[in-house]
Amino acid sequence: LAALVAEVGLQPESPQGLSLEAAAKLAMEWFSNSNADVRESSVKLMGVCFSQVGLDRIEPFLANLRQVQREIFDAEFERVSGGGGD
């Protein structure tokens, strides 16, 4: 799903893109999954959303995270914006 968002973008910036709300809500649901691969996919999806629309637009979906959880997303945002390592 992250690859699809990266390819087609998010609405309304990309009329053919996916809904930011739907993608972000799904990512946040995935983040509570017990499987680490699913949680990692969630973080990557939100990273792509961040790269498409910026922090202001995705911040509401991150509001209920604990600090440790938020740091995981912040590290991904830093990575996708070119500021972090692998």
N, C-alpha and C. Protein backbone atom coordinates (compact mmCIF):
# COMPACT_ATOMS: atom_id res chain seq x y z
N LEU A 1 0.83 -1.19 0.00
CA LEU A 1 0.00 0.00 0.00
C LEU A 1 0.87 1.26 0.00
N ALA A 2 1.99 1.21 0.70
CA ALA A 2 2.90 2.35 0.72
C ALA A 2 3.41 2.63 -0.69
N ALA A 3 3.72 1.58 -1.44
CA ALA A 3 4.19 1.76 -2.82
C ALA A 3 3.11 2.38 -3.69
N LEU A 4 1.87 1.99 -3.47
CA LEU A 4 0.76 2.55 -4.23
C LEU A 4 0.58 4.03 -3.92
N VAL A 5 0.64 4.39 -2.66
CA VAL A 5 0.54 5.80 -2.27
C VAL A 5 1.69 6.58 -2.90
N ALA A 6 2.88 6.02 -2.87
CA ALA A 6 4.03 6.70 -3.47
C ALA A 6 3.84 6.89 -4.97
N GLU A 7 3.19 5.93 -5.62
CA GLU A 7 3.01 6.01 -7.06
C GLU A 7 1.87 6.94 -7.48
N VAL A 8 0.71 6.83 -6.82
CA VAL A 8 -0.46 7.60 -7.27
C VAL A 8 -0.74 8.82 -6.42
N GLY A 9 -0.12 8.92 -5.25
CA GLY A 9 -0.31 10.09 -4.40
C GLY A 9 -1.55 10.01 -3.54
N LEU A 10 -1.84 11.13 -2.91
CA LEU A 10 -2.98 11.24 -2.01
C LEU A 10 -3.89 12.37 -2.46
N GLN A 11 -5.15 12.20 -2.20
CA GLN A 11 -6.12 13.26 -2.51
C GLN A 11 -6.01 14.36 -1.47
N PRO A 12 -6.29 15.60 -1.72
CA PRO A 12 -6.72 16.16 -2.99
C PRO A 12 -5.57 16.58 -3.90
N GLU A 13 -4.33 16.50 -3.41
CA GLU A 13 -3.19 16.91 -4.24
C GLU A 13 -3.13 16.12 -5.54
N SER A 14 -3.47 14.85 -5.46
CA SER A 14 -3.50 13.99 -6.64
C SER A 14 -4.93 13.46 -6.79
N PRO A 15 -5.70 14.01 -7.73
CA PRO A 15 -7.12 13.61 -7.86
C PRO A 15 -7.32 12.10 -8.02
N GLN A 16 -6.36 11.42 -8.64
CA GLN A 16 -6.47 9.98 -8.84
C GLN A 16 -5.91 9.20 -7.64
N GLY A 17 -5.41 9.91 -6.65
CA GLY A 17 -4.76 9.28 -5.51
C GLY A 17 -5.72 8.68 -4.51
N LEU A 18 -5.13 8.09 -3.51
CA LEU A 18 -5.90 7.47 -2.43
C LEU A 18 -6.30 8.52 -1.41
N SER A 19 -7.30 8.20 -0.63
CA SER A 19 -7.74 9.07 0.45
C SER A 19 -6.72 9.04 1.59
N LEU A 20 -6.25 10.23 1.99
CA LEU A 20 -5.33 10.30 3.12
C LEU A 20 -5.97 9.72 4.37
N GLU A 21 -7.21 10.09 4.62
CA GLU A 21 -7.88 9.61 5.83
C GLU A 21 -7.96 8.09 5.87
N ALA A 22 -8.34 7.48 4.77
CA ALA A 22 -8.44 6.01 4.72
C ALA A 22 -7.08 5.35 4.91
N ALA A 23 -6.06 5.87 4.23
CA ALA A 23 -4.72 5.29 4.33
C ALA A 23 -4.17 5.44 5.74
N ALA A 24 -4.33 6.63 6.32
CA ALA A 24 -3.78 6.87 7.66
C ALA A 24 -4.52 6.07 8.72
N LYS A 25 -5.83 6.00 8.61
CA LYS A 25 -6.59 5.20 9.59
C LYS A 25 -6.20 3.73 9.52
N LEU A 26 -6.03 3.22 8.30
CA LEU A 26 -5.60 1.83 8.14
C LEU A 26 -4.21 1.63 8.74
N ALA A 27 -3.31 2.56 8.48
CA ALA A 27 -1.95 2.45 9.02
C ALA A 27 -1.98 2.43 10.54
N MET A 28 -2.81 3.26 11.15
CA MET A 28 -2.84 3.30 12.60
C MET A 28 -3.48 2.03 13.18
N GLU A 29 -4.43 1.45 12.46
CA GLU A 29 -4.98 0.15 12.88
C GLU A 29 -3.89 -0.92 12.81
N TRP A 30 -3.13 -0.90 11.70
CA TRP A 30 -2.04 -1.88 11.54
C TRP A 30 -1.00 -1.74 12.63
N PHE A 31 -0.77 -0.53 13.12
CA PHE A 31 0.28 -0.31 14.10
C PHE A 31 -0.01 -1.04 15.41
N SER A 32 -1.25 -1.36 15.69
CA SER A 32 -1.58 -2.09 16.91
C SER A 32 -1.57 -3.61 16.70
N ASN A 33 -1.20 -4.07 15.52
CA ASN A 33 -1.14 -5.50 15.22
C ASN A 33 0.00 -6.15 15.99
N SER A 34 -0.17 -7.40 16.37
CA SER A 34 0.87 -8.11 17.12
C SER A 34 2.06 -8.51 16.24
N ASN A 35 1.88 -8.53 14.93
CA ASN A 35 2.95 -8.93 14.01
C ASN A 35 3.87 -7.75 13.72
N ALA A 36 5.16 -7.92 13.95
CA ALA A 36 6.13 -6.84 13.76
C ALA A 36 6.20 -6.37 12.30
N ASP A 37 6.05 -7.29 11.35
CA ASP A 37 6.08 -6.90 9.94
C ASP A 37 4.90 -6.00 9.58
N VAL A 38 3.75 -6.29 10.16
CA VAL A 38 2.57 -5.45 9.91
C VAL A 38 2.79 -4.06 10.51
N ARG A 39 3.33 -4.01 11.72
CA ARG A 39 3.61 -2.70 12.34
C ARG A 39 4.63 -1.92 11.52
N GLU A 40 5.65 -2.60 11.02
CA GLU A 40 6.66 -1.94 10.19
C GLU A 40 6.02 -1.38 8.91
N SER A 41 5.11 -2.14 8.32
CA SER A 41 4.40 -1.66 7.13
C SER A 41 3.57 -0.42 7.45
N SER A 42 2.99 -0.40 8.63
CA SER A 42 2.22 0.76 9.08
C SER A 42 3.09 2.01 9.13
N VAL A 43 4.26 1.86 9.72
CA VAL A 43 5.18 2.99 9.84
C VAL A 43 5.64 3.46 8.46
N LYS A 44 5.92 2.52 7.58
CA LYS A 44 6.34 2.89 6.22
C LYS A 44 5.22 3.59 5.46
N LEU A 45 3.99 3.11 5.63
CA LEU A 45 2.86 3.76 4.97
C LEU A 45 2.71 5.20 5.46
N MET A 46 2.81 5.41 6.76
CA MET A 46 2.70 6.78 7.29
C MET A 46 3.89 7.62 6.83
N GLY A 47 5.04 7.01 6.66
CA GLY A 47 6.19 7.74 6.14
C GLY A 47 5.95 8.24 4.73
N VAL A 48 5.32 7.40 3.90
CA VAL A 48 5.00 7.82 2.54
C VAL A 48 3.94 8.92 2.57
N CYS A 49 2.95 8.77 3.44
CA CYS A 49 1.93 9.82 3.57
C CYS A 49 2.59 11.13 3.99
N PHE A 50 3.49 11.06 4.93
CA PHE A 50 4.24 12.24 5.37
C PHE A 50 4.97 12.89 4.21
N SER A 51 5.63 12.08 3.40
CA SER A 51 6.39 12.63 2.28
C SER A 51 5.49 13.26 1.22
N GLN A 52 4.25 12.82 1.15
CA GLN A 52 3.30 13.35 0.16
C GLN A 52 2.61 14.63 0.63
N VAL A 53 2.23 14.68 1.91
CA VAL A 53 1.38 15.80 2.37
C VAL A 53 1.95 16.59 3.53
N GLY A 54 3.01 16.12 4.16
CA GLY A 54 3.61 16.84 5.27
C GLY A 54 3.02 16.50 6.63
N LEU A 55 3.72 16.90 7.65
CA LEU A 55 3.35 16.55 9.03
C LEU A 55 2.03 17.15 9.47
N ASP A 56 1.75 18.38 9.07
CA ASP A 56 0.51 19.03 9.52
C ASP A 56 -0.73 18.21 9.16
N ARG A 57 -0.72 17.61 7.99
CA ARG A 57 -1.89 16.85 7.54
C ARG A 57 -2.01 15.47 8.20
N ILE A 58 -0.90 14.90 8.65
CA ILE A 58 -1.00 13.57 9.27
C ILE A 58 -0.97 13.62 10.79
N GLU A 59 -0.62 14.77 11.34
CA GLU A 59 -0.53 14.91 12.80
C GLU A 59 -1.78 14.42 13.54
N PRO A 60 -2.99 14.73 13.06
CA PRO A 60 -4.17 14.27 13.79
C PRO A 60 -4.24 12.75 13.96
N PHE A 61 -3.69 12.01 13.03
CA PHE A 61 -3.73 10.55 13.11
C PHE A 61 -2.71 10.00 14.10
N LEU A 62 -1.74 10.82 14.48
CA LEU A 62 -0.68 10.41 15.40
C LEU A 62 -0.95 10.88 16.83
N ALA A 63 -2.00 11.61 17.03
CA ALA A 63 -2.25 12.30 18.30
C ALA A 63 -2.36 11.38 19.52
N ASN A 64 -2.83 10.16 19.33
CA ASN A 64 -3.06 9.28 20.48
C ASN A 64 -1.91 8.31 20.76
N LEU A 65 -0.80 8.50 20.10
CA LEU A 65 0.35 7.61 20.33
C LEU A 65 1.07 7.96 21.62
N ARG A 66 1.62 6.94 22.26
CA ARG A 66 2.52 7.18 23.39
C ARG A 66 3.83 7.73 22.83
N GLN A 67 4.62 8.36 23.68
CA GLN A 67 5.86 9.01 23.24
C GLN A 67 6.80 8.03 22.53
N VAL A 68 6.95 6.84 23.08
CA VAL A 68 7.84 5.83 22.48
C VAL A 68 7.34 5.45 21.09
N GLN A 69 6.03 5.31 20.94
CA GLN A 69 5.47 4.98 19.64
C GLN A 69 5.68 6.14 18.66
N ARG A 70 5.46 7.35 19.13
CA ARG A 70 5.61 8.53 18.27
C ARG A 70 7.04 8.65 17.77
N GLU A 71 8.00 8.29 18.60
CA GLU A 71 9.40 8.36 18.20
C GLU A 71 9.70 7.43 17.03
N ILE A 72 9.01 6.31 16.96
CA ILE A 72 9.18 5.38 15.84
C ILE A 72 8.75 6.05 14.54
N PHE A 73 7.61 6.73 14.58
CA PHE A 73 7.12 7.43 13.39
C PHE A 73 8.02 8.62 13.06
N ASP A 74 8.44 9.36 14.06
CA ASP A 74 9.31 10.51 13.82
C ASP A 74 10.62 10.08 13.16
N ALA A 75 11.15 8.93 13.58
CA ALA A 75 12.39 8.43 12.96
C ALA A 75 12.15 8.10 11.49
N GLU A 76 10.98 7.55 11.18
CA GLU A 76 10.66 7.25 9.78
C GLU A 76 10.49 8.54 8.98
N PHE A 77 9.88 9.54 9.56
CA PHE A 77 9.71 10.82 8.86
C PHE A 77 11.07 11.45 8.58
N GLU A 78 11.96 11.34 9.52
CA GLU A 78 13.32 11.86 9.34
C GLU A 78 14.03 11.09 8.22
N ARG A 79 13.83 9.78 8.21
CA ARG A 79 14.47 8.93 7.19
C ARG A 79 13.97 9.30 5.79
N VAL A 80 12.64 9.42 5.63
CA VAL A 80 12.10 9.68 4.30
C VAL A 80 12.36 11.10 3.83
N SER A 81 12.63 12.00 4.77
CA SER A 81 12.93 13.37 4.36
C SER A 81 14.43 13.55 4.09
N GLY A 82 15.18 12.46 4.17
CA GLY A 82 16.60 12.50 3.81
C GLY A 82 17.52 12.84 4.95
N GLY A 83 16.98 12.93 6.16
CA GLY A 83 17.82 13.33 7.28
C GLY A 83 18.37 12.18 8.10
N GLY A 84 17.90 10.97 7.83
CA GLY A 84 18.35 9.86 8.67
C GLY A 84 19.01 8.77 7.89
N GLY A 85 19.60 7.85 8.60
CA GLY A 85 20.24 6.69 7.99
C GLY A 85 19.24 5.62 7.70
N ASP A 86 19.71 4.43 7.45
CA ASP A 86 18.84 3.32 7.10
C ASP A 86 18.08 2.82 8.25
